[in-house]
C-alpha atoms as a PDB file:
ATOM      1  CA  MET A   1      -4.108 -19.936  16.392  1.00  0.00           C
ATOM      2  CA  ILE A   2      -1.985 -20.250  13.405  1.00  0.00           C
ATOM      3  CA  GLN A   3       1.382 -21.983  13.756  1.00  0.00           C
ATOM      4  CA  THR A   4       4.259 -20.295  11.914  1.00  0.00           C
ATOM      5  CA  PRO A   5       7.295 -22.256  10.844  1.00  0.00           C
ATOM      6  CA  PRO A   6      10.659 -20.742  12.225  1.00  0.00           C
ATOM      7  CA  SER A   7      12.631 -18.428  10.234  1.00  0.00           C
ATOM      8  CA  LEU A   8      15.766 -19.787   8.420  1.00  0.00           C
ATOM      9  CA  GLN A   9      19.337 -19.254   9.777  1.00  0.00           C
ATOM     10  CA  GLN A  10      22.506 -19.149   7.684  1.00  0.00           C
ATOM     11  CA  GLY A  11      23.662 -22.735   6.969  1.00  0.00           C
ATOM     12  CA  ASP A  12      20.131 -24.105   7.011  1.00  0.00           C
ATOM     13  CA  THR A  13      19.018 -26.627   4.371  1.00  0.00           C
ATOM     14  CA  ILE A  14      16.332 -25.893   1.695  1.00  0.00           C
ATOM     15  CA  GLY A  15      15.086 -28.914  -0.210  1.00  0.00           C
ATOM     16  CA  ILE A  16      13.804 -28.561  -3.772  1.00  0.00           C
ATOM     17  CA  THR A  17      11.247 -30.984  -5.204  1.00  0.00           C
ATOM     18  CA  CYS A  18       8.887 -31.013  -8.199  1.00  0.00           C
ATOM     19  CA  PRO A  19       5.619 -32.499  -6.782  1.00  0.00           C
ATOM     20  CA  ALA A  20       3.657 -31.662  -9.952  1.00  0.00           C
ATOM     21  CA  GLY A  21       4.995 -30.782 -13.497  1.00  0.00           C
ATOM     22  CA  TYR A  22       8.389 -31.717 -14.929  1.00  0.00           C
ATOM     23  CA  MET A  23      11.295 -29.270 -14.753  1.00  0.00           C
ATOM     24  CA  ALA A  24      14.649 -29.575 -16.465  1.00  0.00           C
ATOM     25  CA  MET A  25      17.808 -29.376 -14.250  1.00  0.00           C
ATOM     26  CA  GLU A  26      19.076 -26.450 -16.306  1.00  0.00           C
ATOM     27  CA  ARG A  27      16.019 -24.461 -15.244  1.00  0.00           C
ATOM     28  CA  VAL A  28      16.842 -24.996 -11.583  1.00  0.00           C
ATOM     29  CA  GLN A  29      20.498 -24.204 -11.659  1.00  0.00           C
ATOM     30  CA  THR A  30      20.202 -20.383 -11.105  1.00  0.00           C
ATOM     31  CA  CYS A  31      17.929 -20.931  -8.238  1.00  0.00           C
ATOM     32  CA  ILE A  32      20.319 -23.517  -6.656  1.00  0.00           C
ATOM     33  CA  GLU A  33      23.251 -20.963  -6.881  1.00  0.00           C
ATOM     34  CA  THR A  34      21.302 -18.097  -5.646  1.00  0.00           C
ATOM     35  CA  LEU A  35      20.043 -19.974  -2.478  1.00  0.00           C
ATOM     36  CA  GLN A  36      23.614 -20.831  -1.892  1.00  0.00           C
ATOM     37  CA  GLN A  37      24.586 -17.210  -2.125  1.00  0.00           C
ATOM     38  CA  TRP A  38      21.992 -16.431   0.395  1.00  0.00           C
ATOM     39  CA  GLY A  39      23.660 -18.736   2.868  1.00  0.00           C
ATOM     40  CA  TYR A  40      21.652 -21.866   2.549  1.00  0.00           C
ATOM     41  CA  VAL A  41      22.495 -25.430   1.757  1.00  0.00           C
ATOM     42  CA  VAL A  42      20.473 -26.990  -1.098  1.00  0.00           C
ATOM     43  CA  LYS A  43      19.215 -30.534  -1.153  1.00  0.00           C
ATOM     44  CA  LEU A  44      17.776 -31.758  -4.420  1.00  0.00           C
ATOM     45  CA  GLY A  45      14.891 -34.209  -4.611  1.00  0.00           C
ATOM     46  CA  LYS A  46      15.014 -36.977  -7.183  1.00  0.00           C
ATOM     47  CA  THR A  47      12.106 -35.424  -9.179  1.00  0.00           C
ATOM     48  CA  VAL A  48      14.156 -32.410 -10.144  1.00  0.00           C
ATOM     49  CA  GLY A  49      15.472 -32.883 -13.652  1.00  0.00           C
ATOM     50  CA  GLY A  50      14.673 -36.504 -13.525  1.00  0.00           C
ATOM     51  CA  ASP A  51      14.103 -38.929 -16.399  1.00  0.00           C
ATOM     52  CA  SER A  52      10.464 -38.625 -16.722  1.00  0.00           C
ATOM     53  CA  GLN A  53       9.098 -38.670 -20.305  1.00  0.00           C
ATOM     54  CA  THR A  54       5.645 -37.387 -19.378  1.00  0.00           C
ATOM     55  CA  TYR A  55       4.080 -34.042 -18.274  1.00  0.00           C
ATOM     56  CA  PHE A  56       4.823 -34.984 -14.641  1.00  0.00           C
ATOM     57  CA  SER A  57       8.225 -34.968 -13.011  1.00  0.00           C
ATOM     58  CA  GLY A  58       7.597 -38.669 -12.104  1.00  0.00           C
ATOM     59  CA  THR A  59       4.759 -41.010 -11.282  1.00  0.00           C
ATOM     60  CA  ASP A  60       2.438 -40.358  -8.521  1.00  0.00           C
ATOM     61  CA  GLU A  61       4.470 -42.673  -6.238  1.00  0.00           C
ATOM     62  CA  GLN A  62       7.700 -41.073  -7.112  1.00  0.00           C
ATOM     63  CA  ARG A  63       6.513 -37.510  -6.550  1.00  0.00           C
ATOM     64  CA  LEU A  64       4.814 -38.505  -3.286  1.00  0.00           C
ATOM     65  CA  GLU A  65       7.980 -40.331  -2.094  1.00  0.00           C
ATOM     66  CA  ASP A  66      10.176 -37.405  -2.890  1.00  0.00           C
ATOM     67  CA  PHE A  67       8.022 -34.872  -1.219  1.00  0.00           C
ATOM     68  CA  GLN A  68       7.494 -37.063   1.797  1.00  0.00           C
ATOM     69  CA  GLN A  69      11.218 -37.796   2.265  1.00  0.00           C
ATOM     70  CA  LEU A  70      12.025 -33.939   2.278  1.00  0.00           C
ATOM     71  CA  LEU A  71       8.958 -33.345   4.592  1.00  0.00           C
ATOM     72  CA  ASP A  72      10.257 -35.899   7.145  1.00  0.00           C
ATOM     73  CA  ASP A  73      13.843 -34.864   6.915  1.00  0.00           C
ATOM     74  CA  ASP A  74      14.852 -33.073  10.065  1.00  0.00           C
ATOM     75  CA  THR A  75      17.819 -31.372   8.468  1.00  0.00           C
ATOM     76  CA  VAL A  76      15.540 -29.780   5.826  1.00  0.00           C
ATOM     77  CA  LYS A  77      14.150 -26.479   7.085  1.00  0.00           C
ATOM     78  CA  ALA A  78      12.116 -25.330   4.133  1.00  0.00           C
ATOM     79  CA  ILE A  79      10.808 -27.045   0.876  1.00  0.00           C
ATOM     80  CA  LEU A  80      10.799 -25.049  -2.348  1.00  0.00           C
ATOM     81  CA  CYS A  81       8.702 -26.477  -5.094  1.00  0.00           C
ATOM     82  CA  GLY A  82      10.517 -26.234  -8.343  1.00  0.00           C
ATOM     83  CA  ARG A  83       7.435 -25.580 -10.387  1.00  0.00           C
ATOM     84  CA  GLY A  84       3.725 -25.994 -10.403  1.00  0.00           C
ATOM     85  CA  GLY A  85       1.623 -27.089 -13.367  1.00  0.00           C
ATOM     86  CA  TYR A  86      -0.570 -29.967 -12.274  1.00  0.00           C
ATOM     87  CA  GLY A  87      -0.325 -32.905 -10.098  1.00  0.00           C
ATOM     88  CA  VAL A  88      -0.381 -32.162  -6.357  1.00  0.00           C
ATOM     89  CA  GLY A  89      -4.089 -32.890  -6.235  1.00  0.00           C
ATOM     90  CA  ARG A  90      -3.170 -36.578  -7.239  1.00  0.00           C
ATOM     91  CA  ILE A  91      -1.114 -37.058  -4.204  1.00  0.00           C
ATOM     92  CA  ILE A  92      -2.337 -34.737  -1.524  1.00  0.00           C
ATOM     93  CA  ASP A  93      -4.506 -37.259   0.357  1.00  0.00           C
ATOM     94  CA  ARG A  94      -1.440 -39.701   0.583  1.00  0.00           C
ATOM     95  CA  ILE A  95       0.904 -37.255   2.101  1.00  0.00           C
ATOM     96  CA  ASN A  96       1.650 -38.004   5.695  1.00  0.00           C
ATOM     97  CA  PHE A  97       1.849 -34.703   7.654  1.00  0.00           C
ATOM     98  CA  LYS A  98       2.174 -36.285  11.182  1.00  0.00           C
ATOM     99  CA  LYS A  99       5.955 -35.355  11.535  1.00  0.00           C
ATOM    100  CA  PHE A 100       5.560 -32.007   9.784  1.00  0.00           C
ATOM    101  CA  VAL A 101       2.771 -30.972  12.343  1.00  0.00           C
ATOM    102  CA  LYS A 102       5.246 -31.578  15.232  1.00  0.00           C
ATOM    103  CA  SER A 103       8.049 -29.691  13.529  1.00  0.00           C
ATOM    104  CA  PRO A 104       6.646 -27.417  10.837  1.00  0.00           C
ATOM    105  CA  LYS A 105       8.851 -26.098   8.025  1.00  0.00           C
ATOM    106  CA  TRP A 106       8.111 -23.523   5.176  1.00  0.00           C
ATOM    107  CA  ILE A 107       6.378 -25.073   2.210  1.00  0.00           C
ATOM    108  CA  ILE A 108       7.031 -22.598  -0.656  1.00  0.00           C
ATOM    109  CA  GLY A 109       5.442 -22.157  -4.188  1.00  0.00           C
ATOM    110  CA  PHE A 110       2.319 -21.042  -6.027  1.00  0.00           C
ATOM    111  CA  SER A 111       0.044 -22.236  -8.816  1.00  0.00           C
ATOM    112  CA  ASP A 112      -0.573 -25.970  -8.354  1.00  0.00           C
ATOM    113  CA  ILE A 113       1.024 -25.677  -4.918  1.00  0.00           C
ATOM    114  CA  THR A 114      -2.100 -23.761  -3.847  1.00  0.00           C
ATOM    115  CA  VAL A 115      -3.484 -27.223  -3.096  1.00  0.00           C
ATOM    116  CA  LEU A 116      -0.766 -27.747  -0.452  1.00  0.00           C
ATOM    117  CA  HIS A 117      -1.282 -24.170   1.006  1.00  0.00           C
ATOM    118  CA  ALA A 118      -5.091 -24.810   1.302  1.00  0.00           C
ATOM    119  CA  HIS A 119      -4.798 -28.276   2.656  1.00  0.00           C
ATOM    120  CA  ILE A 120      -2.185 -27.472   5.277  1.00  0.00           C
ATOM    121  CA  TYR A 121      -4.021 -24.363   6.501  1.00  0.00           C
ATOM    122  CA  VAL A 122      -7.409 -25.982   6.728  1.00  0.00           C
ATOM    123  CA  ASN A 123      -6.388 -29.208   8.119  1.00  0.00           C
ATOM    124  CA  TYR A 124      -3.424 -28.399  10.304  1.00  0.00           C
ATOM    125  CA  ASN A 125      -3.511 -24.506  10.947  1.00  0.00           C
ATOM    126  CA  ILE A 126       0.044 -24.026   9.826  1.00  0.00           C
ATOM    127  CA  ALA A 127       1.301 -21.157   7.571  1.00  0.00           C
ATOM    128  CA  THR A 128       2.898 -21.574   4.303  1.00  0.00           C
ATOM    129  CA  LEU A 129       4.610 -19.436   1.757  1.00  0.00           C
ATOM    130  CA  HIS A 130       2.969 -18.534  -1.560  1.00  0.00           C
ATOM    131  CA  ALA A 131       5.995 -17.307  -3.374  1.00  0.00           C
ATOM    132  CA  PRO A 132       8.201 -17.354  -6.450  1.00  0.00           C
ATOM    133  CA  MET A 133       9.627 -20.923  -7.510  1.00  0.00           C
ATOM    134  CA  ALA A 134      12.741 -21.991  -9.172  1.00  0.00           C
ATOM    135  CA  GLY A 135      11.949 -20.657 -12.657  1.00  0.00           C
ATOM    136  CA  ALA A 136      11.573 -17.011 -11.284  1.00  0.00           C
ATOM    137  CA  PHE A 137      15.360 -16.994 -10.606  1.00  0.00           C
ATOM    138  CA  ASN A 138      16.246 -17.138 -14.151  1.00  0.00           C
ATOM    139  CA  ASP A 139      17.081 -14.444 -16.624  1.00  0.00           C
ATOM    140  CA  GLY A 140      18.073 -11.959 -13.928  1.00  0.00           C
ATOM    141  CA  GLY A 141      14.975 -12.605 -11.755  1.00  0.00           C
ATOM    142  CA  SER A 142      17.074 -13.528  -8.719  1.00  0.00           C
ATOM    143  CA  ASP A 143      17.923  -9.671  -8.618  1.00  0.00           C
ATOM    144  CA  ASN A 144      14.319  -8.375  -8.611  1.00  0.00           C
ATOM    145  CA  VAL A 145      12.278  -7.354  -5.606  1.00  0.00           C
ATOM    146  CA  TYR A 146       9.848 -10.195  -5.947  1.00  0.00           C
ATOM    147  CA  VAL A 147      12.322 -13.061  -5.612  1.00  0.00           C
ATOM    148  CA  GLN A 148      14.193 -10.877  -2.947  1.00  0.00           C
ATOM    149  CA  SER A 149      10.943 -10.822  -1.115  1.00  0.00           C
ATOM    150  CA  LEU A 150      11.271 -14.599  -0.641  1.00  0.00           C
ATOM    151  CA  GLN A 151      14.718 -14.152   0.693  1.00  0.00           C
ATOM    152  CA  HIS A 152      13.455 -11.468   3.249  1.00  0.00           C
ATOM    153  CA  THR A 153      10.338 -13.574   4.381  1.00  0.00           C
ATOM    154  CA  LEU A 154      12.634 -16.612   4.960  1.00  0.00           C
ATOM    155  CA  GLU A 155      14.915 -14.549   7.099  1.00  0.00           C
ATOM    156  CA  GLY A 156      11.901 -13.554   9.214  1.00  0.00           C
ATOM    157  CA  LYS A 157      11.379  -9.933   8.060  1.00  0.00           C
ATOM    158  CA  LYS A 158       7.802  -8.646   8.437  1.00  0.00           C
ATOM    159  CA  ILE A 159       5.821  -8.168   5.279  1.00  0.00           C
ATOM    160  CA  ARG A 160       4.776  -4.879   3.916  1.00  0.00           C
ATOM    161  CA  TYR A 161       3.840  -4.258   0.440  1.00  0.00           C
ATOM    162  CA  GLU A 162       2.308  -1.344  -1.443  1.00  0.00           C
ATOM    163  CA  CYS A 163       0.630  -1.088  -4.857  1.00  0.00           C
ATOM    164  CA  ALA A 164      -1.013   1.511  -6.884  1.00  0.00           C
ATOM    165  CA  PRO A 165      -4.776   2.193  -6.765  1.00  0.00           C
ATOM    166  CA  HIS A 166      -7.256   0.926  -9.316  1.00  0.00           C
ATOM    167  CA  GLU A 167     -10.566   2.257 -10.608  1.00  0.00           C
ATOM    168  CA  PHE A 168     -12.406  -0.892  -9.405  1.00  0.00           C
ATOM    169  CA  ASN A 169     -11.103  -0.832  -5.890  1.00  0.00           C
ATOM    170  CA  HIS A 170     -13.426  -0.809  -2.806  1.00  0.00           C
ATOM    171  CA  LYS A 171     -11.808   1.388  -0.275  1.00  0.00           C
ATOM    172  CA  GLY A 172     -11.513   0.514   3.305  1.00  0.00           C
ATOM    173  CA  GLU A 173      -9.462  -1.477   5.887  1.00  0.00           C
ATOM    174  CA  ALA A 174      -9.574  -5.182   6.709  1.00  0.00           C
ATOM    175  CA  ILE A 175      -7.877  -7.445   9.199  1.00  0.00           C
ATOM    176  CA  GLY A 176      -7.841 -11.115   8.863  1.00  0.00           C
ATOM    177  CA  GLU A 177      -5.777 -14.273   8.141  1.00  0.00           C
ATOM    178  CA  LEU A 178      -4.563 -14.244   4.421  1.00  0.00           C
ATOM    179  CA  VAL A 179      -5.613 -17.216   2.359  1.00  0.00           C
ATOM    180  CA  GLY A 180      -5.907 -17.990  -1.398  1.00  0.00           C
ATOM    181  CA  GLY A 181      -3.744 -18.484  -4.533  1.00  0.00           C
ATOM    182  CA  ASN A 182      -4.650 -19.810  -7.894  1.00  0.00           C
ATOM    183  CA  LEU A 183      -8.365 -19.442  -8.692  1.00  0.00           C
ATOM    184  CA  SER A 184      -8.771 -22.596 -10.623  1.00  0.00           C
ATOM    185  CA  LEU A 185      -7.299 -24.633  -7.943  1.00  0.00           C
ATOM    186  CA  ILE A 186      -9.316 -23.027  -5.177  1.00  0.00           C
ATOM    187  CA  ALA A 187     -12.523 -23.619  -7.146  1.00  0.00           C
ATOM    188  CA  ASN A 188     -11.434 -27.269  -7.783  1.00  0.00           C
ATOM    189  CA  LEU A 189     -10.964 -27.806  -3.962  1.00  0.00           C
ATOM    190  CA  VAL A 190     -14.607 -26.968  -3.125  1.00  0.00           C
ATOM    191  CA  GLY A 191     -16.137 -30.112  -1.799  1.00  0.00           C
ATOM    192  CA  THR A 192     -12.905 -31.811  -0.998  1.00  0.00           C
ATOM    193  CA  PRO A 193     -10.986 -32.190   2.377  1.00  0.00           C
ATOM    194  CA  SER A 194      -8.727 -29.258   1.292  1.00  0.00           C
ATOM    195  CA  GLU A 195     -11.662 -26.799   0.680  1.00  0.00           C
ATOM    196  CA  LEU A 196     -10.548 -23.301   1.783  1.00  0.00           C
ATOM    197  CA  LYS A 197     -12.338 -21.613   4.716  1.00  0.00           C
ATOM    198  CA  THR A 198     -12.719 -17.856   3.732  1.00  0.00           C
ATOM    199  CA  LYS A 199     -15.124 -16.377   6.305  1.00  0.00           C
ATOM    200  CA  GLY A 200     -13.442 -13.518   8.089  1.00  0.00           C
ATOM    201  CA  ARG A 201     -10.333 -13.905   5.963  1.00  0.00           C
ATOM    202  CA  ILE A 202      -8.553 -11.835   3.421  1.00  0.00           C
ATOM    203  CA  LEU A 203      -8.753 -13.809   0.168  1.00  0.00           C
ATOM    204  CA  PHE A 204      -6.181 -13.387  -2.631  1.00  0.00           C
ATOM    205  CA  LEU A 205      -6.671 -14.664  -6.177  1.00  0.00           C
ATOM    206  CA  GLU A 206      -4.706 -14.945  -9.347  1.00  0.00           C
ATOM    207  CA  ASP A 207      -4.601 -17.126 -12.464  1.00  0.00           C
ATOM    208  CA  VAL A 208      -2.892 -17.703 -15.814  1.00  0.00           C
ATOM    209  CA  GLY A 209      -3.941 -18.799 -19.318  1.00  0.00           C
ATOM    210  CA  GLU A 210      -7.665 -18.995 -18.625  1.00  0.00           C
ATOM    211  CA  TYR A 211     -10.531 -18.311 -21.017  1.00  0.00           C
ATOM    212  CA  LEU A 212     -12.494 -15.316 -19.787  1.00  0.00           C
ATOM    213  CA  TYR A 213     -15.697 -17.447 -19.503  1.00  0.00           C
ATOM    214  CA  ASN A 214     -13.725 -19.914 -17.316  1.00  0.00           C
ATOM    215  CA  VAL A 215     -12.960 -17.042 -14.874  1.00  0.00           C
ATOM    216  CA  ASP A 216     -16.530 -16.063 -14.840  1.00  0.00           C
ATOM    217  CA  ARG A 217     -17.640 -19.543 -14.191  1.00  0.00           C
ATOM    218  CA  MET A 218     -15.149 -20.213 -11.388  1.00  0.00           C
ATOM    219  CA  LEU A 219     -15.905 -17.004  -9.477  1.00  0.00           C
ATOM    220  CA  HIS A 220     -19.722 -17.744  -9.812  1.00  0.00           C
ATOM    221  CA  GLN A 221     -18.880 -21.198  -8.236  1.00  0.00           C
ATOM    222  CA  LEU A 222     -17.090 -19.622  -5.427  1.00  0.00           C
ATOM    223  CA  LYS A 223     -19.909 -17.185  -5.017  1.00  0.00           C
ATOM    224  CA  ARG A 224     -22.616 -19.875  -5.041  1.00  0.00           C
ATOM    225  CA  ALA A 225     -20.403 -21.947  -2.493  1.00  0.00           C
ATOM    226  CA  GLY A 226     -20.486 -18.933  -0.077  1.00  0.00           C
ATOM    227  CA  LYS A 227     -16.755 -18.294  -0.515  1.00  0.00           C
ATOM    228  CA  LEU A 228     -17.147 -14.619  -1.304  1.00  0.00           C
ATOM    229  CA  ASP A 229     -19.931 -13.628   1.114  1.00  0.00           C
ATOM    230  CA  LYS A 230     -18.267 -12.901   4.404  1.00  0.00           C
ATOM    231  CA  LEU A 231     -14.764 -12.018   3.587  1.00  0.00           C
ATOM    232  CA  ALA A 232     -12.797  -9.537   5.477  1.00  0.00           C
ATOM    233  CA  GLY A 233     -11.224  -8.213   2.261  1.00  0.00           C
ATOM    234  CA  LEU A 234     -10.429  -9.463  -1.252  1.00  0.00           C
ATOM    235  CA  ILE A 235      -7.142  -9.068  -3.160  1.00  0.00           C
ATOM    236  CA  ILE A 236      -7.169  -9.487  -7.026  1.00  0.00           C
ATOM    237  CA  GLY A 237      -3.757 -10.247  -8.466  1.00  0.00           C
ATOM    238  CA  GLY A 238      -2.675 -10.809 -12.003  1.00  0.00           C
ATOM    239  CA  PHE A 239      -4.654 -12.799 -14.503  1.00  0.00           C
ATOM    240  CA  THR A 240      -2.044 -13.170 -17.103  1.00  0.00           C
ATOM    241  CA  ASP A 241      -2.208 -14.638 -20.656  1.00  0.00           C
ATOM    242  CA  GLY A 242      -5.900 -14.687 -20.720  1.00  0.00           C
ATOM    243  CA  LYS A 243      -7.809 -15.955 -23.684  1.00  0.00           C
ATOM    244  CA  ASP A 244     -11.094 -15.134 -25.339  1.00  0.00           C
ATOM    245  CA  THR A 245     -13.498 -17.093 -27.554  1.00  0.00           C
ATOM    246  CA  ASP A 246     -14.050 -16.525 -31.183  1.00  0.00           C
ATOM    247  CA  ARG A 247     -17.167 -14.760 -30.212  1.00  0.00           C
ATOM    248  CA  PRO A 248     -15.996 -12.343 -27.536  1.00  0.00           C
ATOM    249  CA  PHE A 249     -17.095 -12.569 -23.914  1.00  0.00           C
ATOM    250  CA  GLY A 250     -17.504  -8.858 -23.908  1.00  0.00           C
ATOM    251  CA  LYS A 251     -15.746  -7.776 -20.771  1.00  0.00           C
ATOM    252  CA  THR A 252     -12.090  -7.713 -19.510  1.00  0.00           C
ATOM    253  CA  VAL A 253     -11.150 -10.063 -16.765  1.00  0.00           C
ATOM    254  CA  TYR A 254     -11.109  -7.267 -14.212  1.00  0.00           C
ATOM    255  CA  GLU A 255     -14.585  -6.237 -15.426  1.00  0.00           C
ATOM    256  CA  ILE A 256     -15.828  -9.799 -14.913  1.00  0.00           C
ATOM    257  CA  ILE A 257     -14.424  -9.898 -11.414  1.00  0.00           C
ATOM    258  CA  HIS A 258     -15.697  -6.443 -10.548  1.00  0.00           C
ATOM    259  CA  ASP A 259     -19.213  -7.276 -11.670  1.00  0.00           C
ATOM    260  CA  ILE A 260     -19.376 -10.297  -9.485  1.00  0.00           C
ATOM    261  CA  VAL A 261     -17.898  -8.641  -6.298  1.00  0.00           C
ATOM    262  CA  LYS A 262     -19.376  -5.122  -6.618  1.00  0.00           C
ATOM    263  CA  GLU A 263     -22.327  -5.963  -4.282  1.00  0.00           C
ATOM    264  CA  TYR A 264     -20.047  -6.654  -1.291  1.00  0.00           C
ATOM    265  CA  ASP A 265     -19.004  -3.794   0.995  1.00  0.00           C
ATOM    266  CA  TYR A 266     -15.539  -5.187   2.193  1.00  0.00           C
ATOM    267  CA  PRO A 267     -12.355  -3.771   0.774  1.00  0.00           C
ATOM    268  CA  VAL A 268     -11.316  -4.916  -2.626  1.00  0.00           C
ATOM    269  CA  CYS A 269      -7.882  -4.402  -4.232  1.00  0.00           C
ATOM    270  CA  PHE A 270      -7.355  -5.036  -7.900  1.00  0.00           C
ATOM    271  CA  GLY A 271      -3.885  -5.269  -9.502  1.00  0.00           C
ATOM    272  CA  PHE A 272      -1.960  -6.529  -6.570  1.00  0.00           C
ATOM    273  CA  PRO A 273       1.454  -7.858  -7.597  1.00  0.00           C
ATOM    274  CA  VAL A 274       0.847 -11.633  -7.045  1.00  0.00           C
ATOM    275  CA  SER A 275       0.699 -13.551 -10.368  1.00  0.00           C
ATOM    276  CA  HIS A 276       2.203 -15.948 -12.679  1.00  0.00           C
ATOM    277  CA  ALA A 277       4.262 -13.206 -14.182  1.00  0.00           C
ATOM    278  CA  THR A 278       7.363 -11.469 -12.670  1.00  0.00           C
ATOM    279  CA  GLU A 279       5.253  -9.453 -10.167  1.00  0.00           C
ATOM    280  CA  ASN A 280       4.745 -12.045  -7.452  1.00  0.00           C
ATOM    281  CA  TYR A 281       5.568 -11.091  -3.947  1.00  0.00           C
ATOM    282  CA  ALA A 282       6.133 -13.647  -1.114  1.00  0.00           C
ATOM    283  CA  LEU A 283       3.027 -14.032   0.983  1.00  0.00           C
ATOM    284  CA  LYS A 284       2.724 -15.986   4.164  1.00  0.00           C
ATOM    285  CA  THR A 285      -0.669 -17.737   3.829  1.00  0.00           C
ATOM    286  CA  GLY A 286      -2.691 -18.282   7.001  1.00  0.00           C
ATOM    287  CA  VAL A 287      -0.926 -15.334   8.842  1.00  0.00           C
ATOM    288  CA  GLY A 288      -2.792 -12.241  10.033  1.00  0.00           C
ATOM    289  CA  TYR A 289      -2.474  -9.183   7.835  1.00  0.00           C
ATOM    290  CA  LYS A 290      -4.060  -5.632   7.711  1.00  0.00           C
ATOM    291  CA  LEU A 291      -5.273  -4.572   4.220  1.00  0.00           C
ATOM    292  CA  LYS A 292      -5.613  -0.853   3.594  1.00  0.00           C
ATOM    293  CA  VAL A 293      -7.270   0.156   0.277  1.00  0.00           C
ATOM    294  CA  GLY A 294      -7.034   3.872  -0.003  1.00  0.00           C
ATOM    295  CA  LYS A 295      -7.513   6.572  -2.557  1.00  0.00           C
ATOM    296  CA  SER A 296      -3.768   6.967  -3.414  1.00  0.00           C
ATOM    297  CA  ARG A 297      -2.224   3.579  -2.492  1.00  0.00           C
ATOM    298  CA  VAL A 298      -2.887   0.129  -1.284  1.00  0.00           C
ATOM    299  CA  VAL A 299      -0.841  -1.313   1.755  1.00  0.00           C
ATOM    300  CA  LEU A 300      -0.851  -5.032   2.794  1.00  0.00           C
ATOM    301  CA  GLU A 301       1.313  -5.618   6.013  1.00  0.00           C
ATOM    302  CA  GLU A 302       1.639  -8.194   8.756  1.00  0.00           C
END
């Protein structure tokens, strides 16, 4: 049985940390102000806008210590990761979840944070939140429905999203725990203690900046590893800023995915608003959902 962290109350504290890539303080400011407007207290980790001169927000030890401190802090009711990038996989096996398991809190983020979502779900059966991070609040983003979906989810409102149909969709209904995230990370986790369990689940996938042949390769890896065989359903989100080789691959990214999954008879939804772009609804990972892929619309609801 999945354990779901409690909803937040007015006056609760949200910690912000950068467990992977570096993020400048000015890029976090709007997020801080918006969270305060929502009624929360914000506690900044040392890795936010720190003095790192590398790709990372700090050394492995600094990032681990910062995340661990917020994880163990009883006053912090949720942890929002400032950004993704790369780096969680370098520290995931050293994070101590003992206190977190006794008193779960929402872990929020996407992209490289997929490692945390998968690891916590597989090893501790605790729900996490695949959702917009600090950068999404900038340039008016705090007013859009996707960032607001994070607010609603933290407040405990039930999730129900709709999206338009797609020509590659497989119609049908599915019920199962929702798991997934960034395709490249999910493929990288195969063979590790964070390897995602997908049988009987609704899997969602998205990615950014990948060559078309890489998407093809990673999906074939998941297929060969049995990760696509016995799904309850499959949700394909945005694959943004994709790249092709000088000699073209010959298919669009959705054509690639469609060719790989067309043999399966479970429901498949293409074009769901979960991505590295603006369209990125908050999704509770590990929680039970119903997916309805119909002729005129797609509905995902708790």
